[in-house]
Every structure is written in structure tokens, then in C-alpha cells.
Amino acid sequence: MQGSLMLDIAGTWLTAEDRQILRQPEVGGLILFARNIEHLSQVQDLCRAIRAVRPDILLAVDQEGGRVQRLRRDFVRLPAMRDFATHRDAEQLAEICGWVMATEVLAVGLDFSFAPVLDLDHQRSAVVGSRAFEGDPQRATALAGAFIKGMHSAGMAATGKHFPGHGWAEADSHVAIPVDERGLDELRRADLIPFQRLSNALDAVMPAHVIYPQVDDKPAGFSRRWLQDVLRNELGFRGVIFSDDLSMAGAHVVGDAASRIEAALAAGCDMGLVCNDRGAAELALSALQRFGVQPSPALANMRRRASVSLEYKQDPRWRASVAALQAAELIV
């Protein structure tokens, strides 16, 4: 079986316990949260310390913009993606923002941000809301495509989330098990459009912890119907599949952390995330060690494709990009 584990750490520096778990070959990624971040140079030092233990590890963060932005002090306060929709030059501004976000994330030594959100804003889901570019699938696709273009220009891989769309289900999968009662044909006419049209531009996809009972009785991230039949075969997606955090309530339907990561990998995920619960991460790791998993070769495509100097703020492109976002009143 192919598969790998992405986990997290508790603080702003590595403990001996952190170093020990990072040395395990089944651990292929680490995600930073706000608690791990003080300022720009501290994050860079932390990334260097992690890579001293595991040079090949993938380092990720959630730097979407708006309310989901882990890197804040010394970083541009990015707008919510919904803010682009009202601008005449929306696509150009979205591309600029994608480049700015990626440049800052790469500069501190991280590989990628889990972005962009491809969910549609149906005015129903509080957990999606302004994180979505639009409610109209055509417009959301265009804006997300521009944002991805900016990310790629900076040297960062793009991850579309949350397949096949979290915008209709009202419950928050962090604390509940959302259900979307719509059928596959209805989803094809709306929420699946951004994933379909951007399948060749996306480097990775993250499925939702949402159950679509007319399609499968399992959440999408544990469903071969969704990940193999629809995402791989119907949409032709060939990139990496990351699970959403398997510690979230929406993932608990399949049992403990060992059962969850086994189910996610069996469904087709290349890497399972187990965050904010070291005991659960250790349980998932033990399961992967029993399975004898090997990392998917596709994960190498998520590594940063450019090194960005910490002097990036002196770059004329940077200055022009920030000025354009300020002129549009998207940032201050």
C-alpha cells in the first residue's frame, strides 16, 4: 500500500519527542498552525530545524487568506477570497494575490499552502462562507484558476479543497458530520465544475469530510466511489490526494485514528493528516508501520519549486503587487 502521514507539533521549536517521530519514514509531512508561529525569522529557523532532521519532508500551512491565515506577524494580511468577486479586475487581482501568498510562504522555507478553496458559496455553510471565491461555478473557476496561476508563478503547488464541494452542507466537519443530500447529477452541474475544469492545473486535491448519501454512505475522503470513480476516472485528476484532518469530527465515523488512516489510504488518499492530537498521530503511525506503506512518488511534486530570499520585499514585482492589492482596497 502507498501512503504517508502528515502531523503537527505543539510549539515554536522542536522537542526531542518531535525529532524522534519525524525520523520515522512513514511521516512524510508536517503542517504548521498559528501556535507554531511567532514571526518571520522564527518560522524560517523552525523549518531549518525540521529539515535538519528530515530533509525530504513536506512542510505545509493553511494560508488561504481572510480568517484562515496562520502566518500573520510580518506577513501581508490577505483578503478573504470572496472579496475578489466585486472587482472589475478580479482575475488579475486574484492572480497577484496567489503570487504574494506563495512568495511569502516559500520565503520562510515552507513548501506549500493548502489553497485554494474551490467550494461554492451557497450562502448555507458558515465554515465555508467567505473562504469561497463565488457561488457561481463559472466565476469561482475563473478566479481560482487565476489564483493558482499566481501560486505556480511563485513556485508553489496548488491544492484544491474540499472535493466534491463543502458549500452546501451546513454542519462544520470540524465538530460534526455534515451531510449533503444532493445527487451526483446536481453536483456535476455546480460544485464539481471547478474541480473538473481545474483538474489539469491542480497539483493536489483535499476531499471533504462530508457524506453525500445519494452517492456513497461514506464521507468523500473515505470513499473509493468519490476518489477513484469520480475524481480519478471521471475528472481525470492525476495529482496528489491529501485527506482532510483525520482528527476532525467528520472523520470519526470510521473509528479510531488507525482505522481512519487505513480507510483514507484504501480509498485513494496519498497522505493522511492527523493533527492536534499527538496520541492519535502515534496510533496512525503505528498502523502505517504495520502495513509497511511506501510513500507515493507523486508527493515529490508538492515540494517547493523555487527558493525565495527573505529580501523578497525589495523585489519590484513584490512592491507592485502589494500596491495593486492596496489600490483595490483588498489589503491595508
C-alpha atoms as a PDB file:
ATOM      1  CA  MET A   1       0.000   0.000   0.000  1.00  0.00           C
ATOM      2  CA  GLN A   2       1.162   3.519  -0.788  1.00  0.00           C
ATOM      3  CA  GLY A   3       0.672   6.194   1.803  1.00  0.00           C
ATOM      4  CA  SER A   4       2.187   8.593   4.256  1.00  0.00           C
ATOM      5  CA  LEU A   5       1.323  10.614   7.371  1.00  0.00           C
ATOM      6  CA  MET A   6       1.288  14.376   7.894  1.00  0.00           C
ATOM      7  CA  LEU A   7       1.250  15.516  11.507  1.00  0.00           C
ATOM      8  CA  ASP A   8       1.970  18.606  13.596  1.00  0.00           C
ATOM      9  CA  ILE A   9       3.962  19.780  16.593  1.00  0.00           C
ATOM     10  CA  ALA A  10       2.905  21.599  19.741  1.00  0.00           C
ATOM     11  CA  GLY A  11       5.252  24.564  19.933  1.00  0.00           C
ATOM     12  CA  THR A  12       7.549  27.016  18.176  1.00  0.00           C
ATOM     13  CA  TRP A  13      10.586  24.736  18.345  1.00  0.00           C
ATOM     14  CA  LEU A  14      11.259  21.005  18.094  1.00  0.00           C
ATOM     15  CA  THR A  15      11.319  18.790  21.159  1.00  0.00           C
ATOM     16  CA  ALA A  16      13.267  15.538  21.405  1.00  0.00           C
ATOM     17  CA  GLU A  17       9.950  13.708  21.002  1.00  0.00           C
ATOM     18  CA  ASP A  18       9.187  15.687  17.842  1.00  0.00           C
ATOM     19  CA  ARG A  19      12.584  14.796  16.369  1.00  0.00           C
ATOM     20  CA  GLN A  20      12.047  11.133  17.113  1.00  0.00           C
ATOM     21  CA  ILE A  21       8.664  10.949  15.401  1.00  0.00           C
ATOM     22  CA  LEU A  22       9.874  12.981  12.402  1.00  0.00           C
ATOM     23  CA  ARG A  23      12.649  10.434  11.816  1.00  0.00           C
ATOM     24  CA  GLN A  24      10.066   7.747  11.057  1.00  0.00           C
ATOM     25  CA  PRO A  25       9.980   7.209   7.280  1.00  0.00           C
ATOM     26  CA  GLU A  26       6.193   6.844   7.298  1.00  0.00           C
ATOM     27  CA  VAL A  27       5.948  10.506   8.367  1.00  0.00           C
ATOM     28  CA  GLY A  28       6.082  12.417   5.111  1.00  0.00           C
ATOM     29  CA  GLY A  29       4.721  15.809   6.060  1.00  0.00           C
ATOM     30  CA  LEU A  30       4.312  18.374   8.809  1.00  0.00           C
ATOM     31  CA  ILE A  31       1.762  21.188   8.952  1.00  0.00           C
ATOM     32  CA  LEU A  32       2.243  24.384  10.953  1.00  0.00           C
ATOM     33  CA  PHE A  33      -0.567  26.070  12.882  1.00  0.00           C
ATOM     34  CA  ALA A  34      -0.792  29.520  14.474  1.00  0.00           C
ATOM     35  CA  ARG A  35       0.616  28.163  17.741  1.00  0.00           C
ATOM     36  CA  ASN A  36       3.863  27.261  15.933  1.00  0.00           C
ATOM     37  CA  ILE A  37       4.365  30.757  14.557  1.00  0.00           C
ATOM     38  CA  GLU A  38       5.752  33.886  16.227  1.00  0.00           C
ATOM     39  CA  HIS A  39       7.352  35.872  13.425  1.00  0.00           C
ATOM     40  CA  LEU A  40       9.062  35.502  10.070  1.00  0.00           C
ATOM     41  CA  SER A  41      12.595  34.594  11.152  1.00  0.00           C
ATOM     42  CA  GLN A  42      11.334  32.186  13.845  1.00  0.00           C
ATOM     43  CA  VAL A  43       9.338  30.239  11.246  1.00  0.00           C
ATOM     44  CA  GLN A  44      12.375  30.102   8.996  1.00  0.00           C
ATOM     45  CA  ASP A  45      14.505  28.769  11.883  1.00  0.00           C
ATOM     46  CA  LEU A  46      11.850  26.157  12.707  1.00  0.00           C
ATOM     47  CA  CYS A  47      11.710  24.984   9.087  1.00  0.00           C
ATOM     48  CA  ARG A  48      15.506  24.675   9.026  1.00  0.00           C
ATOM     49  CA  ALA A  49      15.435  22.622  12.232  1.00  0.00           C
ATOM     50  CA  ILE A  50      12.794  20.300  10.793  1.00  0.00           C
ATOM     51  CA  ARG A  51      14.726  19.815   7.568  1.00  0.00           C
ATOM     52  CA  ALA A  52      17.899  19.088   9.556  1.00  0.00           C
ATOM     53  CA  VAL A  53      16.052  16.030  10.882  1.00  0.00           C
ATOM     54  CA  ARG A  54      14.154  15.168   7.662  1.00  0.00           C
ATOM     55  CA  PRO A  55      15.414  16.993   4.551  1.00  0.00           C
ATOM     56  CA  ASP A  56      12.768  15.356   2.362  1.00  0.00           C
ATOM     57  CA  ILE A  57       9.699  16.163   4.478  1.00  0.00           C
ATOM     58  CA  LEU A  58       6.848  18.251   3.074  1.00  0.00           C
ATOM     59  CA  LEU A  59       6.145  21.393   5.091  1.00  0.00           C
ATOM     60  CA  ALA A  60       2.668  22.858   4.777  1.00  0.00           C
ATOM     61  CA  VAL A  61       0.429  25.557   6.228  1.00  0.00           C
ATOM     62  CA  ASP A  62      -3.121  26.856   5.786  1.00  0.00           C
ATOM     63  CA  GLN A  63      -2.581  30.332   4.341  1.00  0.00           C
ATOM     64  CA  GLU A  64      -5.810  30.825   2.412  1.00  0.00           C
ATOM     65  CA  GLY A  65      -6.448  34.443   3.326  1.00  0.00           C
ATOM     66  CA  GLY A  66      -9.251  36.028   5.312  1.00  0.00           C
ATOM     67  CA  ARG A  67      -9.942  34.230   8.561  1.00  0.00           C
ATOM     68  CA  VAL A  68      -7.787  31.223   7.603  1.00  0.00           C
ATOM     69  CA  GLN A  69      -4.284  32.639   7.727  1.00  0.00           C
ATOM     70  CA  ARG A  70      -1.664  31.161  10.065  1.00  0.00           C
ATOM     71  CA  LEU A  71       1.257  33.429   9.125  1.00  0.00           C
ATOM     72  CA  ARG A  72       0.298  36.908  10.316  1.00  0.00           C
ATOM     73  CA  ARG A  73       3.032  38.927  12.036  1.00  0.00           C
ATOM     74  CA  ASP A  74       5.436  40.309   9.390  1.00  0.00           C
ATOM     75  CA  PHE A  75       3.180  38.914   6.631  1.00  0.00           C
ATOM     76  CA  VAL A  76       0.585  40.521   4.356  1.00  0.00           C
ATOM     77  CA  ARG A  77      -2.918  40.234   5.806  1.00  0.00           C
ATOM     78  CA  LEU A  78      -4.525  38.544   2.826  1.00  0.00           C
ATOM     79  CA  PRO A  79      -8.148  39.211   1.887  1.00  0.00           C
ATOM     80  CA  ALA A  80     -10.864  36.596   2.035  1.00  0.00           C
ATOM     81  CA  MET A  81     -11.276  35.045  -1.407  1.00  0.00           C
ATOM     82  CA  ARG A  82     -14.885  36.246  -1.585  1.00  0.00           C
ATOM     83  CA  ASP A  83     -13.574  39.838  -1.650  1.00  0.00           C
ATOM     84  CA  PHE A  84     -12.288  39.495  -5.224  1.00  0.00           C
ATOM     85  CA  ALA A  85     -15.684  38.958  -6.793  1.00  0.00           C
ATOM     86  CA  THR A  86     -16.757  42.617  -6.673  1.00  0.00           C
ATOM     87  CA  HIS A  87     -13.728  43.971  -8.557  1.00  0.00           C
ATOM     88  CA  ARG A  88     -13.652  44.665 -12.280  1.00  0.00           C
ATOM     89  CA  ASP A  89     -10.076  43.304 -12.434  1.00  0.00           C
ATOM     90  CA  ALA A  90     -10.939  40.382 -10.174  1.00  0.00           C
ATOM     91  CA  GLU A  91      -8.976  37.699 -12.029  1.00  0.00           C
ATOM     92  CA  GLN A  92      -5.846  39.823 -12.301  1.00  0.00           C
ATOM     93  CA  LEU A  93      -6.054  40.669  -8.593  1.00  0.00           C
ATOM     94  CA  ALA A  94      -6.616  37.010  -7.659  1.00  0.00           C
ATOM     95  CA  GLU A  95      -3.511  36.038  -9.629  1.00  0.00           C
ATOM     96  CA  ILE A  96      -1.481  38.739  -7.897  1.00  0.00           C
ATOM     97  CA  CYS A  97      -2.734  37.580  -4.507  1.00  0.00           C
ATOM     98  CA  GLY A  98      -1.844  33.952  -5.269  1.00  0.00           C
ATOM     99  CA  TRP A  99       1.684  35.047  -6.132  1.00  0.00           C
ATOM    100  CA  VAL A 100       2.030  37.194  -2.999  1.00  0.00           C
ATOM    101  CA  MET A 101       0.759  34.425  -0.720  1.00  0.00           C
ATOM    102  CA  ALA A 102       3.023  31.807  -2.265  1.00  0.00           C
ATOM    103  CA  THR A 103       6.077  34.066  -2.230  1.00  0.00           C
ATOM    104  CA  GLU A 104       5.764  34.722   1.494  1.00  0.00           C
ATOM    105  CA  VAL A 105       5.142  31.078   2.367  1.00  0.00           C
ATOM    106  CA  LEU A 106       8.097  29.906   0.281  1.00  0.00           C
ATOM    107  CA  ALA A 107      10.368  32.592   1.738  1.00  0.00           C
ATOM    108  CA  VAL A 108      10.267  31.070   5.227  1.00  0.00           C
ATOM    109  CA  GLY A 109      11.073  27.575   3.962  1.00  0.00           C
ATOM    110  CA  LEU A 110       7.632  26.001   3.688  1.00  0.00           C
ATOM    111  CA  ASP A 111       6.643  24.011   0.602  1.00  0.00           C
ATOM    112  CA  PHE A 112       3.006  24.929   0.116  1.00  0.00           C
ATOM    113  CA  SER A 113      -0.238  26.268   1.496  1.00  0.00           C
ATOM    114  CA  PHE A 114      -3.375  24.134   1.279  1.00  0.00           C
ATOM    115  CA  ALA A 115      -5.070  26.504  -1.170  1.00  0.00           C
ATOM    116  CA  PRO A 116      -7.239  27.470  -2.931  1.00  0.00           C
ATOM    117  CA  VAL A 117     -10.734  26.688  -1.671  1.00  0.00           C
ATOM    118  CA  LEU A 118     -12.871  25.520  -4.617  1.00  0.00           C
ATOM    119  CA  ASP A 119     -16.084  25.186  -2.612  1.00  0.00           C
ATOM    120  CA  LEU A 120     -19.010  27.263  -3.832  1.00  0.00           C
ATOM    121  CA  ASP A 121     -20.615  29.815  -1.542  1.00  0.00           C
ATOM    122  CA  HIS A 122     -24.238  28.684  -1.467  1.00  0.00           C
ATOM    123  CA  GLN A 123     -24.956  31.025   1.470  1.00  0.00           C
ATOM    124  CA  ARG A 124     -25.515  27.943   3.632  1.00  0.00           C
ATOM    125  CA  SER A 125     -22.192  26.826   5.105  1.00  0.00           C
ATOM    126  CA  ALA A 126     -20.740  29.047   7.830  1.00  0.00           C
ATOM    127  CA  VAL A 127     -17.440  27.134   7.750  1.00  0.00           C
ATOM    128  CA  VAL A 128     -17.023  27.918   4.020  1.00  0.00           C
ATOM    129  CA  GLY A 129     -18.650  31.332   3.614  1.00  0.00           C
ATOM    130  CA  SER A 130     -16.140  33.985   2.553  1.00  0.00           C
ATOM    131  CA  ARG A 131     -13.419  31.372   2.051  1.00  0.00           C
ATOM    132  CA  ALA A 132     -15.096  30.603  -1.293  1.00  0.00           C
ATOM    133  CA  PHE A 133     -14.458  32.790  -4.337  1.00  0.00           C
ATOM    134  CA  GLU A 134     -18.054  32.769  -5.542  1.00  0.00           C
ATOM    135  CA  GLY A 135     -21.378  30.964  -5.568  1.00  0.00           C
ATOM    136  CA  ASP A 136     -21.407  30.804  -9.365  1.00  0.00           C
ATOM    137  CA  PRO A 137     -19.312  27.821 -10.519  1.00  0.00           C
ATOM    138  CA  GLN A 138     -18.059  29.507 -13.702  1.00  0.00           C
ATOM    139  CA  ARG A 139     -16.898  32.598 -11.845  1.00  0.00           C
ATOM    140  CA  ALA A 140     -15.403  30.577  -8.996  1.00  0.00           C
ATOM    141  CA  THR A 141     -13.456  28.514 -11.535  1.00  0.00           C
ATOM    142  CA  ALA A 142     -12.059  31.596 -13.263  1.00  0.00           C
ATOM    143  CA  LEU A 143     -10.971  33.266 -10.028  1.00  0.00           C
ATOM    144  CA  ALA A 144      -9.489  30.101  -8.535  1.00  0.00           C
ATOM    145  CA  GLY A 145      -7.682  29.405 -11.808  1.00  0.00           C
ATOM    146  CA  ALA A 146      -6.123  32.863 -11.671  1.00  0.00           C
ATOM    147  CA  PHE A 147      -5.086  32.367  -8.040  1.00  0.00           C
ATOM    148  CA  ILE A 148      -3.472  29.031  -8.974  1.00  0.00           C
ATOM    149  CA  LYS A 149      -1.635  30.717 -11.844  1.00  0.00           C
ATOM    150  CA  GLY A 150      -0.138  33.146  -9.343  1.00  0.00           C
ATOM    151  CA  MET A 151       0.883  30.346  -6.992  1.00  0.00           C
ATOM    152  CA  HIS A 152       2.555  28.443  -9.812  1.00  0.00           C
ATOM    153  CA  SER A 153       4.360  31.583 -10.956  1.00  0.00           C
ATOM    154  CA  ALA A 154       5.927  31.858  -7.497  1.00  0.00           C
ATOM    155  CA  GLY A 155       6.927  28.172  -7.499  1.00  0.00           C
ATOM    156  CA  MET A 156       4.220  26.648  -5.305  1.00  0.00           C
ATOM    157  CA  ALA A 157       1.981  23.649  -5.947  1.00  0.00           C
ATOM    158  CA  ALA A 158      -1.782  24.201  -5.602  1.00  0.00           C
ATOM    159  CA  THR A 159      -4.277  22.108  -3.605  1.00  0.00           C
ATOM    160  CA  GLY A 160      -7.994  22.394  -4.380  1.00  0.00           C
ATOM    161  CA  LYS A 161     -10.367  21.768  -1.488  1.00  0.00           C
ATOM    162  CA  HIS A 162     -12.801  20.384  -0.360  1.00  0.00           C
ATOM    163  CA  PHE A 163     -13.781  17.863  -3.073  1.00  0.00           C
ATOM    164  CA  PRO A 164     -16.533  17.457  -4.254  1.00  0.00           C
ATOM    165  CA  GLY A 165     -17.737  20.631  -2.503  1.00  0.00           C
ATOM    166  CA  HIS A 166     -18.443  21.617   1.111  1.00  0.00           C
ATOM    167  CA  GLY A 167     -20.517  24.708   0.367  1.00  0.00           C
ATOM    168  CA  TRP A 168     -23.995  23.145   0.618  1.00  0.00           C
ATOM    169  CA  ALA A 169     -23.721  21.088   3.815  1.00  0.00           C
ATOM    170  CA  GLU A 170     -24.448  23.364   6.765  1.00  0.00           C
ATOM    171  CA  ALA A 171     -22.661  21.463   9.531  1.00  0.00           C
ATOM    172  CA  ASP A 172     -18.992  22.155  10.281  1.00  0.00           C
ATOM    173  CA  SER A 173     -16.961  18.974   9.754  1.00  0.00           C
ATOM    174  CA  HIS A 174     -14.532  20.081  12.487  1.00  0.00           C
ATOM    175  CA  VAL A 175     -17.216  19.404  15.090  1.00  0.00           C
ATOM    176  CA  ALA A 176     -19.944  17.405  13.326  1.00  0.00           C
ATOM    177  CA  ILE A 177     -20.596  15.040  10.407  1.00  0.00           C
ATOM    178  CA  PRO A 178     -22.063  17.116   7.568  1.00  0.00           C
ATOM    179  CA  VAL A 179     -24.480  15.579   5.086  1.00  0.00           C
ATOM    180  CA  ASP A 180     -25.237  16.831   1.565  1.00  0.00           C
ATOM    181  CA  GLU A 181     -28.415  15.218   0.225  1.00  0.00           C
ATOM    182  CA  ARG A 182     -27.912  16.254  -3.412  1.00  0.00           C
ATOM    183  CA  GLY A 183     -27.343  13.664  -6.108  1.00  0.00           C
ATOM    184  CA  LEU A 184     -24.338  13.304  -8.374  1.00  0.00           C
ATOM    185  CA  ASP A 185     -26.011  14.928 -11.378  1.00  0.00           C
ATOM    186  CA  GLU A 186     -26.839  18.035  -9.370  1.00  0.00           C
ATOM    187  CA  LEU A 187     -23.279  18.191  -8.047  1.00  0.00           C
ATOM    188  CA  ARG A 188     -21.946  17.843 -11.601  1.00  0.00           C
ATOM    189  CA  ARG A 189     -23.959  20.905 -12.613  1.00  0.00           C
ATOM    190  CA  ALA A 190     -22.499  23.055  -9.839  1.00  0.00           C
ATOM    191  CA  ASP A 191     -19.940  22.120  -7.174  1.00  0.00           C
ATOM    192  CA  LEU A 192     -17.911  19.712  -9.284  1.00  0.00           C
ATOM    193  CA  ILE A 193     -17.322  22.248 -12.073  1.00  0.00           C
ATOM    194  CA  PRO A 194     -14.269  23.978 -10.504  1.00  0.00           C
ATOM    195  CA  PHE A 195     -12.637  20.623  -9.768  1.00  0.00           C
ATOM    196  CA  GLN A 196     -13.384  19.355 -13.257  1.00  0.00           C
ATOM    197  CA  ARG A 197     -12.185  22.413 -15.145  1.00  0.00           C
ATOM    198  CA  LEU A 198      -9.087  22.897 -12.998  1.00  0.00           C
ATOM    199  CA  SER A 199      -8.117  19.222 -12.767  1.00  0.00           C
ATOM    200  CA  ASN A 200      -5.086  19.739 -15.009  1.00  0.00           C
ATOM    201  CA  ALA A 201      -3.953  22.860 -13.127  1.00  0.00           C
ATOM    202  CA  LEU A 202      -4.266  21.389  -9.645  1.00  0.00           C
ATOM    203  CA  ASP A 203      -1.297  19.556  -8.146  1.00  0.00           C
ATOM    204  CA  ALA A 204      -3.366  18.137  -5.279  1.00  0.00           C
ATOM    205  CA  VAL A 205      -6.931  17.783  -4.047  1.00  0.00           C
ATOM    206  CA  MET A 206      -8.265  17.531  -0.496  1.00  0.00           C
ATOM    207  CA  PRO A 207     -11.648  15.779  -0.130  1.00  0.00           C
ATOM    208  CA  ALA A 208     -14.360  16.915   2.273  1.00  0.00           C
ATOM    209  CA  HIS A 209     -15.426  15.136   5.444  1.00  0.00           C
ATOM    210  CA  VAL A 210     -18.978  15.292   4.098  1.00  0.00           C
ATOM    211  CA  ILE A 211     -21.346  12.380   3.398  1.00  0.00           C
ATOM    212  CA  TYR A 212     -23.279  12.523   0.110  1.00  0.00           C
ATOM    213  CA  PRO A 213     -25.720   9.657   0.752  1.00  0.00           C
ATOM    214  CA  GLN A 214     -27.107   9.574  -2.786  1.00  0.00           C
ATOM    215  CA  VAL A 215     -23.584   8.745  -3.998  1.00  0.00           C
ATOM    216  CA  ASP A 216     -21.967   6.825  -1.120  1.00  0.00           C
ATOM    217  CA  ASP A 217     -22.605   6.245   2.570  1.00  0.00           C
ATOM    218  CA  LYS A 218     -19.025   7.169   3.465  1.00  0.00           C
ATOM    219  CA  PRO A 219     -17.544  10.686   3.721  1.00  0.00           C
ATOM    220  CA  ALA A 220     -15.832  11.626   0.445  1.00  0.00           C
ATOM    221  CA  GLY A 221     -12.338  11.220   1.886  1.00  0.00           C
ATOM    222  CA  PHE A 222     -13.022   7.561   2.693  1.00  0.00           C
ATOM    223  CA  SER A 223     -14.919   6.780  -0.498  1.00  0.00           C
ATOM    224  CA  ARG A 224     -13.453   4.949  -3.473  1.00  0.00           C
ATOM    225  CA  ARG A 225     -16.578   5.960  -5.364  1.00  0.00           C
ATOM    226  CA  TRP A 226     -15.634   9.602  -4.977  1.00  0.00           C
ATOM    227  CA  LEU A 227     -11.852   9.381  -5.136  1.00  0.00           C
ATOM    228  CA  GLN A 228     -11.447   6.665  -7.762  1.00  0.00           C
ATOM    229  CA  ASP A 229     -14.614   6.614  -9.883  1.00  0.00           C
ATOM    230  CA  VAL A 230     -15.303  10.344  -9.911  1.00  0.00           C
ATOM    231  CA  LEU A 231     -12.073  12.225  -9.166  1.00  0.00           C
ATOM    232  CA  ARG A 232      -9.591   9.924 -10.901  1.00  0.00           C
ATOM    233  CA  ASN A 233     -11.652   8.310 -13.660  1.00  0.00           C
ATOM    234  CA  GLU A 234     -14.370  10.835 -14.495  1.00  0.00           C
ATOM    235  CA  LEU A 235     -12.424  14.064 -13.897  1.00  0.00           C
ATOM    236  CA  GLY A 236      -9.069  12.627 -14.927  1.00  0.00           C
ATOM    237  CA  PHE A 237      -7.193  14.007 -11.937  1.00  0.00           C
ATOM    238  CA  ARG A 238      -3.663  12.600 -11.680  1.00  0.00           C
ATOM    239  CA  GLY A 239      -2.191  14.615  -8.800  1.00  0.00           C
ATOM    240  CA  VAL A 240      -1.860  14.027  -5.069  1.00  0.00           C
ATOM    241  CA  ILE A 241      -4.850  13.386  -2.807  1.00  0.00           C
ATOM    242  CA  PHE A 242      -4.497  14.615   0.787  1.00  0.00           C
ATOM    243  CA  SER A 243      -7.044  13.652   3.393  1.00  0.00           C
ATOM    244  CA  ASP A 244      -8.519  16.467   5.429  1.00  0.00           C
ATOM    245  CA  ASP A 245      -7.553  16.309   9.097  1.00  0.00           C
ATOM    246  CA  LEU A 246      -8.491  12.839  10.311  1.00  0.00           C
ATOM    247  CA  SER A 247      -8.881  14.156  13.865  1.00  0.00           C
ATOM    248  CA  MET A 248     -11.926  16.190  12.840  1.00  0.00           C
ATOM    249  CA  ALA A 249     -15.348  15.024  13.988  1.00  0.00           C
ATOM    250  CA  GLY A 250     -16.418  14.404  10.399  1.00  0.00           C
ATOM    251  CA  ALA A 251     -13.796  11.631  10.153  1.00  0.00           C
ATOM    252  CA  HIS A 252     -14.803   9.758  13.298  1.00  0.00           C
ATOM    253  CA  VAL A 253     -17.455   7.695  11.529  1.00  0.00           C
ATOM    254  CA  VAL A 254     -14.848   5.057  10.623  1.00  0.00           C
ATOM    255  CA  GLY A 255     -13.339   4.518  14.092  1.00  0.00           C
ATOM    256  CA  ASP A 256     -10.036   5.370  15.752  1.00  0.00           C
ATOM    257  CA  ALA A 257      -7.052   7.073  14.121  1.00  0.00           C
ATOM    258  CA  ALA A 258      -5.606   3.791  12.890  1.00  0.00           C
ATOM    259  CA  SER A 259      -8.897   2.871  11.220  1.00  0.00           C
ATOM    260  CA  ARG A 260      -9.253   6.357   9.770  1.00  0.00           C
ATOM    261  CA  ILE A 261      -5.867   6.494   8.102  1.00  0.00           C
ATOM    262  CA  GLU A 262      -6.260   2.945   6.814  1.00  0.00           C
ATOM    263  CA  ALA A 263      -9.649   3.845   5.325  1.00  0.00           C
ATOM    264  CA  ALA A 264      -8.322   7.069   3.794  1.00  0.00           C
ATOM    265  CA  LEU A 265      -5.382   5.343   2.114  1.00  0.00           C
ATOM    266  CA  ALA A 266      -7.541   2.417   0.971  1.00  0.00           C
ATOM    267  CA  ALA A 267      -9.920   4.897  -0.676  1.00  0.00           C
ATOM    268  CA  GLY A 268      -7.071   6.521  -2.572  1.00  0.00           C
ATOM    269  CA  CYS A 269      -5.509   9.246  -0.414  1.00  0.00           C
ATOM    270  CA  ASP A 270      -1.738   9.566  -0.805  1.00  0.00           C
ATOM    271  CA  MET A 271      -1.198  11.245   2.546  1.00  0.00           C
ATOM    272  CA  GLY A 272      -3.361  11.319   5.671  1.00  0.00           C
ATOM    273  CA  LEU A 273      -3.367  14.301   8.025  1.00  0.00           C
ATOM    274  CA  VAL A 274      -3.679  13.671  11.770  1.00  0.00           C
ATOM    275  CA  CYS A 275      -3.433  16.958  13.648  1.00  0.00           C
ATOM    276  CA  ASN A 276      -3.929  18.453  17.116  1.00  0.00           C
ATOM    277  CA  ASP A 277      -3.765  15.037  18.782  1.00  0.00           C
ATOM    278  CA  ARG A 278      -0.295  13.505  19.186  1.00  0.00           C
ATOM    279  CA  GLY A 279      -1.727  10.292  20.624  1.00  0.00           C
ATOM    280  CA  ALA A 280      -3.886   9.831  17.526  1.00  0.00           C
ATOM    281  CA  ALA A 281      -0.905  10.631  15.268  1.00  0.00           C
ATOM    282  CA  GLU A 282       1.175   7.978  17.018  1.00  0.00           C
ATOM    283  CA  LEU A 283      -1.656   5.466  16.640  1.00  0.00           C
ATOM    284  CA  ALA A 284      -1.912   6.263  12.923  1.00  0.00           C
ATOM    285  CA  LEU A 285       1.865   5.973  12.565  1.00  0.00           C
ATOM    286  CA  SER A 286       1.878   2.559  14.234  1.00  0.00           C
ATOM    287  CA  ALA A 287      -0.802   1.427  11.791  1.00  0.00           C
ATOM    288  CA  LEU A 288       1.256   2.594   8.801  1.00  0.00           C
ATOM    289  CA  GLN A 289       4.302   0.791  10.175  1.00  0.00           C
ATOM    290  CA  ARG A 290       2.285  -2.425  10.439  1.00  0.00           C
ATOM    291  CA  PHE A 291       1.039  -2.017   6.874  1.00  0.00           C
ATOM    292  CA  GLY A 292       4.557  -1.469   5.537  1.00  0.00           C
ATOM    293  CA  VAL A 293       3.465   1.518   3.434  1.00  0.00           C
ATOM    294  CA  GLN A 294       5.642   3.275   0.887  1.00  0.00           C
ATOM    295  CA  PRO A 295       5.269   6.988   0.071  1.00  0.00           C
ATOM    296  CA  SER A 296       3.594   7.851  -3.222  1.00  0.00           C
ATOM    297  CA  PRO A 297       6.129   9.152  -5.771  1.00  0.00           C
ATOM    298  CA  ALA A 298       3.591  11.859  -6.656  1.00  0.00           C
ATOM    299  CA  LEU A 299       4.227  13.586  -3.315  1.00  0.00           C
ATOM    300  CA  ALA A 300       7.554  14.877  -4.657  1.00  0.00           C
ATOM    301  CA  ASN A 301       5.554  17.214  -6.910  1.00  0.00           C
ATOM    302  CA  MET A 302       4.395  19.140  -3.831  1.00  0.00           C
ATOM    303  CA  ARG A 303       7.881  20.325  -2.918  1.00  0.00           C
ATOM    304  CA  ARG A 304       8.618  23.993  -3.466  1.00  0.00           C
ATOM    305  CA  ARG A 305       9.866  24.721  -6.936  1.00  0.00           C
ATOM    306  CA  ALA A 306      11.699  27.940  -6.114  1.00  0.00           C
ATOM    307  CA  SER A 307      13.751  29.340  -3.253  1.00  0.00           C
ATOM    308  CA  VAL A 308      12.693  32.815  -2.229  1.00  0.00           C
ATOM    309  CA  SER A 309      15.117  35.144  -0.449  1.00  0.00           C
ATOM    310  CA  LEU A 310      13.976  36.848   2.737  1.00  0.00           C
ATOM    311  CA  GLU A 311      14.789  40.059   0.857  1.00  0.00           C
ATOM    312  CA  TYR A 312      11.735  39.470  -1.331  1.00  0.00           C
ATOM    313  CA  LYS A 313      10.105  42.683  -0.117  1.00  0.00           C
ATOM    314  CA  GLN A 314      12.734  44.626  -2.056  1.00  0.00           C
ATOM    315  CA  ASP A 315      11.707  42.936  -5.337  1.00  0.00           C
ATOM    316  CA  PRO A 316       9.995  45.393  -7.737  1.00  0.00           C
ATOM    317  CA  ARG A 317       7.376  42.748  -8.559  1.00  0.00           C
ATOM    318  CA  TRP A 318       6.572  42.398  -4.878  1.00  0.00           C
ATOM    319  CA  ARG A 319       6.194  46.132  -4.414  1.00  0.00           C
ATOM    320  CA  ALA A 320       3.982  46.458  -7.477  1.00  0.00           C
ATOM    321  CA  SER A 321       1.841  43.502  -6.420  1.00  0.00           C
ATOM    322  CA  VAL A 322       1.254  44.793  -2.905  1.00  0.00           C
ATOM    323  CA  ALA A 323       0.497  48.268  -4.308  1.00  0.00           C
ATOM    324  CA  ALA A 324      -2.105  46.793  -6.679  1.00  0.00           C
ATOM    325  CA  LEU A 325      -3.853  44.955  -3.848  1.00  0.00           C
ATOM    326  CA  GLN A 326      -3.777  48.101  -1.707  1.00  0.00           C
ATOM    327  CA  ALA A 327      -5.177  50.235  -4.535  1.00  0.00           C
ATOM    328  CA  ALA A 328      -8.064  47.761  -4.852  1.00  0.00           C
ATOM    329  CA  GLU A 329      -8.595  48.061  -1.068  1.00  0.00           C
ATOM    330  CA  LEU A 330      -8.084  44.325  -0.658  1.00  0.00           C
ATOM    331  CA  ILE A 331      -5.250  44.841   1.839  1.00  0.00           C
ATOM    332  CA  VAL A 332      -4.191  47.777   4.002  1.00  0.00           C
END
